Amino acid sequence: MKKINIWIAIAVVVVIVALGGYAIFHKTPAKTVSTTTTTSSNPNIATSNSVNNSVVITKTNSNVGNYLADPNGNTLYTIGSGAAGVSSCTGSCLSAWPPYIDKGTTAGLPANISSITRSDNGDIQYTYKGMPLYYFASDTSGQVTGNGVSGFSVAKP
């Protein structure tokens, strides 16, 4: 009888340890709360999540005010001479201004976000209020160094 009780106790301990390990390593993502914080790398850049979805967030910079970024904090730009629904940056332009490409589904996009099919390569590019979104290749996360370069400006909410 003692041997059976010991095996039951061991089984219970194994189950508890397995559940604890699962709970530690399989956490669900925390819900985003609307806040304003200042990044430690640049005190002039604050993040305001007034737009916060799976495609874009709003950030704030002392030089440009509120602007759009991808969920990783990379600044998004539009081209001033562009037309809504048309990706006008093609060819050599793309080396400095890579498009913000949709790698998932285009169904169920958030308000003001849509996508277009690029005529040069068939990629699906995100747009904000119809204007195609681009990155500036020289930016790192949180930078807005492409603002005003080659007719591009930060995308504004």
N, C-alpha and C. Protein backbone atom coordinates (compact mmCIF):
# COMPACT_ATOMS: atom_id res chain seq x y z
N MET A 1 0.82 -1.19 0.00
CA MET A 1 0.00 0.00 0.00
C MET A 1 0.86 1.25 0.00
N LYS A 2 1.98 1.22 0.74
CA LYS A 2 2.86 2.38 0.79
C LYS A 2 3.46 2.67 -0.58
N LYS A 3 3.79 1.61 -1.35
CA LYS A 3 4.37 1.81 -2.68
C LYS A 3 3.39 2.53 -3.60
N ILE A 4 2.12 2.21 -3.53
CA ILE A 4 1.11 2.85 -4.36
C ILE A 4 0.99 4.32 -3.97
N ASN A 5 0.96 4.63 -2.70
CA ASN A 5 0.87 6.01 -2.23
C ASN A 5 2.07 6.83 -2.66
N ILE A 6 3.25 6.23 -2.63
CA ILE A 6 4.47 6.94 -3.06
C ILE A 6 4.37 7.25 -4.55
N TRP A 7 3.93 6.28 -5.36
CA TRP A 7 3.80 6.52 -6.80
C TRP A 7 2.74 7.57 -7.10
N ILE A 8 1.69 7.59 -6.35
CA ILE A 8 0.65 8.62 -6.53
C ILE A 8 1.22 9.99 -6.17
N ALA A 9 1.96 10.04 -5.09
CA ALA A 9 2.58 11.31 -4.67
C ALA A 9 3.58 11.79 -5.72
N ILE A 10 4.36 10.89 -6.27
CA ILE A 10 5.33 11.26 -7.31
C ILE A 10 4.60 11.77 -8.55
N ALA A 11 3.52 11.09 -8.93
CA ALA A 11 2.75 11.52 -10.10
C ALA A 11 2.16 12.91 -9.88
N VAL A 12 1.65 13.17 -8.69
CA VAL A 12 1.08 14.48 -8.38
C VAL A 12 2.16 15.56 -8.47
N VAL A 13 3.34 15.30 -7.94
CA VAL A 13 4.45 16.26 -7.99
C VAL A 13 4.85 16.52 -9.44
N VAL A 14 4.94 15.48 -10.26
CA VAL A 14 5.32 15.64 -11.67
C VAL A 14 4.29 16.51 -12.39
N VAL A 15 3.01 16.28 -12.14
CA VAL A 15 1.96 17.08 -12.78
C VAL A 15 2.07 18.53 -12.34
N ILE A 16 2.27 18.77 -11.06
CA ILE A 16 2.38 20.15 -10.55
C ILE A 16 3.59 20.85 -11.17
N VAL A 17 4.73 20.18 -11.24
CA VAL A 17 5.93 20.77 -11.84
C VAL A 17 5.69 21.06 -13.32
N ALA A 18 5.06 20.13 -14.03
CA ALA A 18 4.79 20.34 -15.46
C ALA A 18 3.86 21.51 -15.67
N LEU A 19 2.81 21.64 -14.89
CA LEU A 19 1.89 22.77 -15.01
C LEU A 19 2.58 24.09 -14.67
N GLY A 20 3.42 24.07 -13.65
CA GLY A 20 4.16 25.28 -13.29
C GLY A 20 5.11 25.70 -14.40
N GLY A 21 5.81 24.75 -14.99
CA GLY A 21 6.70 25.05 -16.11
C GLY A 21 5.95 25.59 -17.30
N TYR A 22 4.80 25.00 -17.58
CA TYR A 22 3.98 25.49 -18.68
C TYR A 22 3.53 26.92 -18.42
N ALA A 23 3.11 27.20 -17.20
CA ALA A 23 2.64 28.56 -16.86
C ALA A 23 3.76 29.57 -16.98
N ILE A 24 4.96 29.20 -16.62
CA ILE A 24 6.09 30.13 -16.69
C ILE A 24 6.48 30.42 -18.13
N PHE A 25 6.55 29.41 -18.97
CA PHE A 25 7.08 29.57 -20.31
C PHE A 25 6.02 29.82 -21.39
N HIS A 26 4.74 29.79 -21.06
CA HIS A 26 3.70 30.00 -22.04
C HIS A 26 2.73 31.09 -21.59
N LYS A 27 3.29 32.24 -21.30
CA LYS A 27 2.46 33.36 -20.87
C LYS A 27 1.75 33.96 -22.06
N THR A 28 0.53 34.43 -21.85
CA THR A 28 -0.18 35.14 -22.89
C THR A 28 0.28 36.59 -22.87
N PRO A 29 0.29 37.26 -24.03
CA PRO A 29 0.75 38.64 -24.07
C PRO A 29 -0.14 39.54 -23.21
N ALA A 30 0.51 40.50 -22.57
CA ALA A 30 -0.23 41.45 -21.74
C ALA A 30 -1.04 42.38 -22.62
N LYS A 31 -2.17 42.83 -22.12
CA LYS A 31 -2.98 43.79 -22.85
C LYS A 31 -2.30 45.14 -22.82
N THR A 32 -2.36 45.85 -23.94
CA THR A 32 -1.76 47.17 -24.02
C THR A 32 -2.65 48.19 -23.36
N VAL A 33 -2.05 49.02 -22.52
CA VAL A 33 -2.77 50.08 -21.85
C VAL A 33 -2.30 51.39 -22.44
N SER A 34 -3.22 52.30 -22.70
CA SER A 34 -2.87 53.59 -23.28
C SER A 34 -2.08 54.41 -22.28
N THR A 35 -0.81 54.67 -22.62
CA THR A 35 0.07 55.42 -21.72
C THR A 35 0.95 56.36 -22.53
N THR A 36 1.62 57.25 -21.82
CA THR A 36 2.66 58.07 -22.44
C THR A 36 3.93 57.84 -21.66
N THR A 37 4.98 57.43 -22.36
CA THR A 37 6.26 57.19 -21.71
C THR A 37 7.35 57.86 -22.50
N THR A 38 8.49 58.09 -21.87
CA THR A 38 9.64 58.65 -22.56
C THR A 38 10.66 57.55 -22.71
N THR A 39 11.20 57.38 -23.92
CA THR A 39 12.19 56.34 -24.14
C THR A 39 13.51 56.77 -23.51
N SER A 40 14.25 55.80 -22.97
CA SER A 40 15.49 56.13 -22.30
C SER A 40 16.60 56.49 -23.28
N SER A 41 16.54 56.01 -24.51
CA SER A 41 17.60 56.29 -25.47
C SER A 41 17.54 57.72 -26.01
N ASN A 42 16.36 58.33 -26.02
CA ASN A 42 16.23 59.70 -26.49
C ASN A 42 15.10 60.37 -25.72
N PRO A 43 15.42 61.26 -24.79
CA PRO A 43 14.38 61.86 -23.96
C PRO A 43 13.43 62.76 -24.74
N ASN A 44 13.73 63.10 -25.99
CA ASN A 44 12.85 63.94 -26.79
C ASN A 44 11.76 63.16 -27.48
N ILE A 45 11.81 61.83 -27.39
CA ILE A 45 10.83 61.00 -28.06
C ILE A 45 9.93 60.36 -27.00
N ALA A 46 8.66 60.61 -27.11
CA ALA A 46 7.69 59.98 -26.20
C ALA A 46 6.76 59.13 -27.04
N THR A 47 6.25 58.07 -26.44
CA THR A 47 5.33 57.20 -27.14
C THR A 47 3.93 57.42 -26.60
N SER A 48 3.00 57.77 -27.46
CA SER A 48 1.61 57.92 -27.09
C SER A 48 0.80 56.94 -27.90
N ASN A 49 0.18 56.00 -27.25
CA ASN A 49 -0.54 54.95 -27.95
C ASN A 49 -1.96 55.35 -28.30
N SER A 50 -2.14 56.54 -28.87
CA SER A 50 -3.49 56.95 -29.25
C SER A 50 -3.97 56.14 -30.44
N VAL A 51 -3.07 55.66 -31.28
CA VAL A 51 -3.39 54.66 -32.29
C VAL A 51 -2.54 53.46 -31.92
N ASN A 52 -3.17 52.35 -31.66
CA ASN A 52 -2.42 51.18 -31.24
C ASN A 52 -3.16 49.95 -31.71
N ASN A 53 -2.66 49.36 -32.79
CA ASN A 53 -3.27 48.15 -33.30
C ASN A 53 -2.18 47.26 -33.86
N SER A 54 -2.55 46.23 -34.54
CA SER A 54 -1.57 45.27 -35.03
C SER A 54 -0.75 45.78 -36.21
N VAL A 55 -1.08 46.96 -36.75
CA VAL A 55 -0.38 47.48 -37.92
C VAL A 55 0.39 48.76 -37.62
N VAL A 56 -0.22 49.71 -36.93
CA VAL A 56 0.44 50.99 -36.64
C VAL A 56 0.19 51.44 -35.21
N ILE A 57 1.13 52.23 -34.70
CA ILE A 57 0.98 52.91 -33.42
C ILE A 57 1.31 54.37 -33.63
N THR A 58 0.88 55.22 -32.72
CA THR A 58 1.23 56.63 -32.77
C THR A 58 2.37 56.89 -31.81
N LYS A 59 3.35 57.63 -32.29
CA LYS A 59 4.47 58.06 -31.45
C LYS A 59 4.53 59.58 -31.52
N THR A 60 5.31 60.17 -30.64
CA THR A 60 5.46 61.62 -30.62
C THR A 60 6.93 61.97 -30.59
N ASN A 61 7.31 62.95 -31.40
CA ASN A 61 8.67 63.45 -31.45
C ASN A 61 8.61 64.96 -31.32
N SER A 62 9.54 65.55 -30.59
CA SER A 62 9.51 67.00 -30.35
C SER A 62 9.64 67.81 -31.64
N ASN A 63 10.22 67.25 -32.68
CA ASN A 63 10.40 67.98 -33.94
C ASN A 63 9.21 67.85 -34.89
N VAL A 64 8.54 66.69 -34.88
CA VAL A 64 7.47 66.46 -35.85
C VAL A 64 6.10 66.25 -35.22
N GLY A 65 6.02 66.16 -33.92
CA GLY A 65 4.74 65.90 -33.26
C GLY A 65 4.34 64.45 -33.35
N ASN A 66 3.04 64.19 -33.41
CA ASN A 66 2.53 62.81 -33.51
C ASN A 66 2.80 62.25 -34.90
N TYR A 67 3.21 61.00 -34.95
CA TYR A 67 3.45 60.33 -36.23
C TYR A 67 3.18 58.85 -36.08
N LEU A 68 3.08 58.16 -37.21
CA LEU A 68 2.79 56.72 -37.21
C LEU A 68 4.08 55.91 -37.29
N ALA A 69 4.05 54.77 -36.62
CA ALA A 69 5.16 53.82 -36.66
C ALA A 69 4.56 52.42 -36.73
N ASP A 70 5.39 51.47 -37.14
CA ASP A 70 4.93 50.09 -37.11
C ASP A 70 4.96 49.61 -35.65
N PRO A 71 4.42 48.45 -35.33
CA PRO A 71 4.39 47.99 -33.94
C PRO A 71 5.77 47.85 -33.29
N ASN A 72 6.84 47.79 -34.09
CA ASN A 72 8.20 47.72 -33.55
C ASN A 72 8.81 49.09 -33.30
N GLY A 73 8.05 50.16 -33.59
CA GLY A 73 8.55 51.51 -33.35
C GLY A 73 9.25 52.15 -34.53
N ASN A 74 9.26 51.49 -35.69
CA ASN A 74 9.91 52.04 -36.87
C ASN A 74 9.00 53.07 -37.53
N THR A 75 9.53 54.26 -37.76
CA THR A 75 8.76 55.37 -38.33
C THR A 75 8.26 55.03 -39.72
N LEU A 76 7.02 55.44 -40.00
CA LEU A 76 6.41 55.24 -41.31
C LEU A 76 6.27 56.59 -42.01
N TYR A 77 6.46 56.57 -43.33
CA TYR A 77 6.44 57.78 -44.13
C TYR A 77 5.47 57.64 -45.30
N THR A 78 5.05 58.78 -45.82
CA THR A 78 4.31 58.83 -47.07
C THR A 78 5.07 59.77 -48.00
N ILE A 79 4.83 59.62 -49.30
CA ILE A 79 5.48 60.50 -50.27
C ILE A 79 4.49 61.60 -50.65
N GLY A 80 4.97 62.84 -50.57
CA GLY A 80 4.11 64.00 -50.81
C GLY A 80 3.53 64.06 -52.21
N SER A 81 4.29 63.61 -53.19
CA SER A 81 3.82 63.68 -54.57
C SER A 81 3.00 62.45 -54.97
N GLY A 82 2.80 61.54 -54.02
CA GLY A 82 2.08 60.31 -54.32
C GLY A 82 0.59 60.52 -54.36
N ALA A 83 -0.07 59.60 -55.00
CA ALA A 83 -1.53 59.60 -55.08
C ALA A 83 -2.06 58.48 -54.20
N ALA A 84 -3.22 58.70 -53.63
CA ALA A 84 -3.84 57.67 -52.80
C ALA A 84 -4.04 56.40 -53.62
N GLY A 85 -3.70 55.27 -53.02
CA GLY A 85 -3.91 53.98 -53.67
C GLY A 85 -2.87 53.58 -54.69
N VAL A 86 -1.81 54.39 -54.86
CA VAL A 86 -0.77 54.10 -55.85
C VAL A 86 0.59 54.19 -55.19
N SER A 87 1.40 53.14 -55.35
CA SER A 87 2.75 53.17 -54.82
C SER A 87 3.67 53.79 -55.86
N SER A 88 4.05 55.04 -55.64
CA SER A 88 4.84 55.76 -56.63
C SER A 88 6.35 55.62 -56.43
N CYS A 89 6.78 54.98 -55.37
CA CYS A 89 8.21 54.74 -55.15
C CYS A 89 8.52 53.35 -55.69
N THR A 90 9.24 53.29 -56.81
CA THR A 90 9.61 52.04 -57.45
C THR A 90 11.07 52.10 -57.86
N GLY A 91 11.60 51.01 -58.34
CA GLY A 91 12.97 50.96 -58.84
C GLY A 91 14.00 51.35 -57.79
N SER A 92 14.91 52.28 -58.16
CA SER A 92 15.99 52.68 -57.26
C SER A 92 15.47 53.42 -56.03
N CYS A 93 14.29 53.99 -56.11
CA CYS A 93 13.69 54.67 -54.95
C CYS A 93 13.55 53.71 -53.76
N LEU A 94 13.30 52.44 -54.04
CA LEU A 94 13.04 51.46 -52.99
C LEU A 94 14.27 51.16 -52.12
N SER A 95 15.47 51.45 -52.60
CA SER A 95 16.65 51.19 -51.77
C SER A 95 16.69 52.13 -50.57
N ALA A 96 16.22 53.34 -50.72
CA ALA A 96 16.17 54.29 -49.61
C ALA A 96 14.82 54.26 -48.90
N TRP A 97 13.77 53.88 -49.61
CA TRP A 97 12.40 53.94 -49.09
C TRP A 97 11.69 52.60 -49.26
N PRO A 98 12.05 51.59 -48.46
CA PRO A 98 11.37 50.30 -48.57
C PRO A 98 9.89 50.41 -48.18
N PRO A 99 9.01 49.74 -48.90
CA PRO A 99 7.59 49.81 -48.57
C PRO A 99 7.27 49.00 -47.31
N TYR A 100 6.24 49.41 -46.61
CA TYR A 100 5.73 48.67 -45.45
C TYR A 100 4.82 47.59 -46.02
N ILE A 101 5.34 46.39 -46.11
CA ILE A 101 4.68 45.26 -46.76
C ILE A 101 3.88 44.44 -45.75
N ASP A 102 2.69 44.03 -46.16
CA ASP A 102 1.82 43.18 -45.36
C ASP A 102 2.30 41.74 -45.54
N LYS A 103 2.72 41.12 -44.46
CA LYS A 103 3.19 39.74 -44.51
C LYS A 103 2.09 38.75 -44.11
N GLY A 104 0.92 39.27 -43.72
CA GLY A 104 -0.16 38.40 -43.27
C GLY A 104 -1.39 38.56 -44.14
N THR A 105 -2.48 38.70 -43.50
CA THR A 105 -3.74 38.82 -44.22
C THR A 105 -4.15 40.27 -44.38
N THR A 106 -4.87 40.56 -45.42
CA THR A 106 -5.37 41.92 -45.63
C THR A 106 -6.82 42.04 -45.19
N ALA A 107 -7.36 40.99 -44.60
CA ALA A 107 -8.76 41.04 -44.13
C ALA A 107 -8.81 41.58 -42.71
N GLY A 108 -9.85 42.33 -42.40
CA GLY A 108 -10.06 42.81 -41.04
C GLY A 108 -9.05 43.84 -40.56
N LEU A 109 -8.57 44.68 -41.45
CA LEU A 109 -7.58 45.69 -41.05
C LEU A 109 -8.24 46.77 -40.19
N PRO A 110 -7.45 47.41 -39.31
CA PRO A 110 -7.98 48.47 -38.45
C PRO A 110 -8.46 49.68 -39.27
N ALA A 111 -9.21 50.57 -38.61
CA ALA A 111 -9.71 51.79 -39.26
C ALA A 111 -8.57 52.58 -39.88
N ASN A 112 -8.82 53.13 -41.05
CA ASN A 112 -7.88 53.95 -41.82
C ASN A 112 -6.70 53.18 -42.40
N ILE A 113 -6.60 51.89 -42.12
CA ILE A 113 -5.52 51.06 -42.68
C ILE A 113 -6.13 50.21 -43.78
N SER A 114 -5.47 50.23 -44.92
CA SER A 114 -5.87 49.35 -46.01
C SER A 114 -4.59 48.88 -46.69
N SER A 115 -4.72 48.27 -47.82
CA SER A 115 -3.54 47.82 -48.54
C SER A 115 -3.78 47.94 -50.03
N ILE A 116 -2.67 47.98 -50.75
CA ILE A 116 -2.71 48.02 -52.21
C ILE A 116 -1.79 46.93 -52.73
N THR A 117 -2.00 46.54 -53.95
CA THR A 117 -1.08 45.62 -54.61
C THR A 117 -0.12 46.46 -55.43
N ARG A 118 1.17 46.33 -55.15
CA ARG A 118 2.19 47.10 -55.86
C ARG A 118 2.24 46.64 -57.32
N SER A 119 2.31 47.60 -58.24
CA SER A 119 2.33 47.26 -59.66
C SER A 119 3.69 46.72 -60.10
N ASP A 120 4.77 47.03 -59.37
CA ASP A 120 6.10 46.61 -59.79
C ASP A 120 6.43 45.16 -59.44
N ASN A 121 5.90 44.66 -58.30
CA ASN A 121 6.26 43.30 -57.92
C ASN A 121 5.11 42.49 -57.32
N GLY A 122 3.93 43.07 -57.22
CA GLY A 122 2.77 42.35 -56.72
C GLY A 122 2.68 42.23 -55.21
N ASP A 123 3.66 42.82 -54.47
CA ASP A 123 3.59 42.79 -53.01
C ASP A 123 2.37 43.57 -52.54
N ILE A 124 1.89 43.20 -51.36
CA ILE A 124 0.78 43.92 -50.73
C ILE A 124 1.39 44.94 -49.77
N GLN A 125 1.13 46.23 -50.02
CA GLN A 125 1.69 47.31 -49.22
C GLN A 125 0.59 47.97 -48.40
N TYR A 126 0.90 48.22 -47.11
CA TYR A 126 -0.05 48.91 -46.25
C TYR A 126 -0.19 50.36 -46.66
N THR A 127 -1.40 50.90 -46.44
CA THR A 127 -1.65 52.33 -46.65
C THR A 127 -2.35 52.88 -45.42
N TYR A 128 -2.20 54.17 -45.21
CA TYR A 128 -2.94 54.87 -44.16
C TYR A 128 -3.76 55.95 -44.84
N LYS A 129 -5.06 55.86 -44.70
CA LYS A 129 -5.99 56.77 -45.38
C LYS A 129 -5.69 56.81 -46.87
N GLY A 130 -5.36 55.65 -47.43
CA GLY A 130 -5.12 55.51 -48.86
C GLY A 130 -3.70 55.79 -49.31
N MET A 131 -2.88 56.41 -48.46
CA MET A 131 -1.51 56.76 -48.85
C MET A 131 -0.55 55.62 -48.50
N PRO A 132 0.21 55.11 -49.48
CA PRO A 132 1.15 54.02 -49.21
C PRO A 132 2.18 54.41 -48.14
N LEU A 133 2.51 53.44 -47.30
CA LEU A 133 3.45 53.66 -46.21
C LEU A 133 4.82 53.07 -46.54
N TYR A 134 5.86 53.82 -46.16
CA TYR A 134 7.24 53.44 -46.43
C TYR A 134 8.08 53.61 -45.17
N TYR A 135 9.23 52.94 -45.15
CA TYR A 135 10.27 53.16 -44.14
C TYR A 135 11.35 54.02 -44.78
N PHE A 136 12.19 54.63 -43.97
CA PHE A 136 13.41 55.27 -44.47
C PHE A 136 14.54 54.34 -44.07
N ALA A 137 15.32 53.85 -45.03
CA ALA A 137 16.33 52.83 -44.78
C ALA A 137 17.39 53.27 -43.77
N SER A 138 17.64 54.58 -43.64
CA SER A 138 18.67 55.06 -42.71
C SER A 138 18.18 55.22 -41.28
N ASP A 139 16.87 55.08 -41.04
CA ASP A 139 16.33 55.18 -39.68
C ASP A 139 16.63 53.92 -38.88
N THR A 140 16.75 54.11 -37.58
CA THR A 140 16.66 53.00 -36.65
C THR A 140 15.41 53.26 -35.82
N SER A 141 15.00 52.30 -35.03
CA SER A 141 13.74 52.42 -34.29
C SER A 141 13.67 53.74 -33.53
N GLY A 142 12.58 54.48 -33.76
CA GLY A 142 12.37 55.74 -33.07
C GLY A 142 12.93 56.96 -33.76
N GLN A 143 13.70 56.78 -34.81
CA GLN A 143 14.25 57.93 -35.53
C GLN A 143 13.28 58.43 -36.58
N VAL A 144 13.34 59.72 -36.88
CA VAL A 144 12.52 60.33 -37.93
C VAL A 144 13.43 61.12 -38.88
N THR A 145 14.60 60.55 -39.18
CA THR A 145 15.58 61.26 -40.00
C THR A 145 15.17 61.40 -41.46
N GLY A 146 14.18 60.64 -41.92
CA GLY A 146 13.74 60.72 -43.31
C GLY A 146 12.73 61.83 -43.55
N ASN A 147 12.28 62.52 -42.50
CA ASN A 147 11.26 63.55 -42.67
C ASN A 147 11.79 64.68 -43.54
N GLY A 148 11.10 64.94 -44.65
CA GLY A 148 11.50 66.00 -45.55
C GLY A 148 12.53 65.60 -46.61
N VAL A 149 12.99 64.37 -46.58
CA VAL A 149 13.99 63.89 -47.54
C VAL A 149 13.27 63.38 -48.78
N SER A 150 13.66 63.84 -49.94
CA SER A 150 13.16 63.37 -51.23
C SER A 150 11.63 63.42 -51.35
N GLY A 151 11.01 64.40 -50.72
CA GLY A 151 9.56 64.54 -50.83
C GLY A 151 8.76 63.65 -49.89
N PHE A 152 9.43 62.91 -49.01
CA PHE A 152 8.74 62.06 -48.04
C PHE A 152 8.55 62.82 -46.74
N SER A 153 7.49 62.49 -46.03
CA SER A 153 7.28 63.05 -44.71
C SER A 153 6.69 61.98 -43.81
N VAL A 154 6.88 62.18 -42.50
CA VAL A 154 6.35 61.18 -41.56
C VAL A 154 4.84 61.09 -41.76
N ALA A 155 4.33 59.90 -41.66
CA ALA A 155 2.88 59.69 -41.76
C ALA A 155 2.24 60.20 -40.48
N LYS A 156 1.22 61.02 -40.63
CA LYS A 156 0.56 61.65 -39.49
C LYS A 156 -0.81 61.03 -39.26
N PRO A 157 -1.15 60.80 -37.99
CA PRO A 157 -2.49 60.26 -37.69
C PRO A 157 -3.58 61.29 -37.91
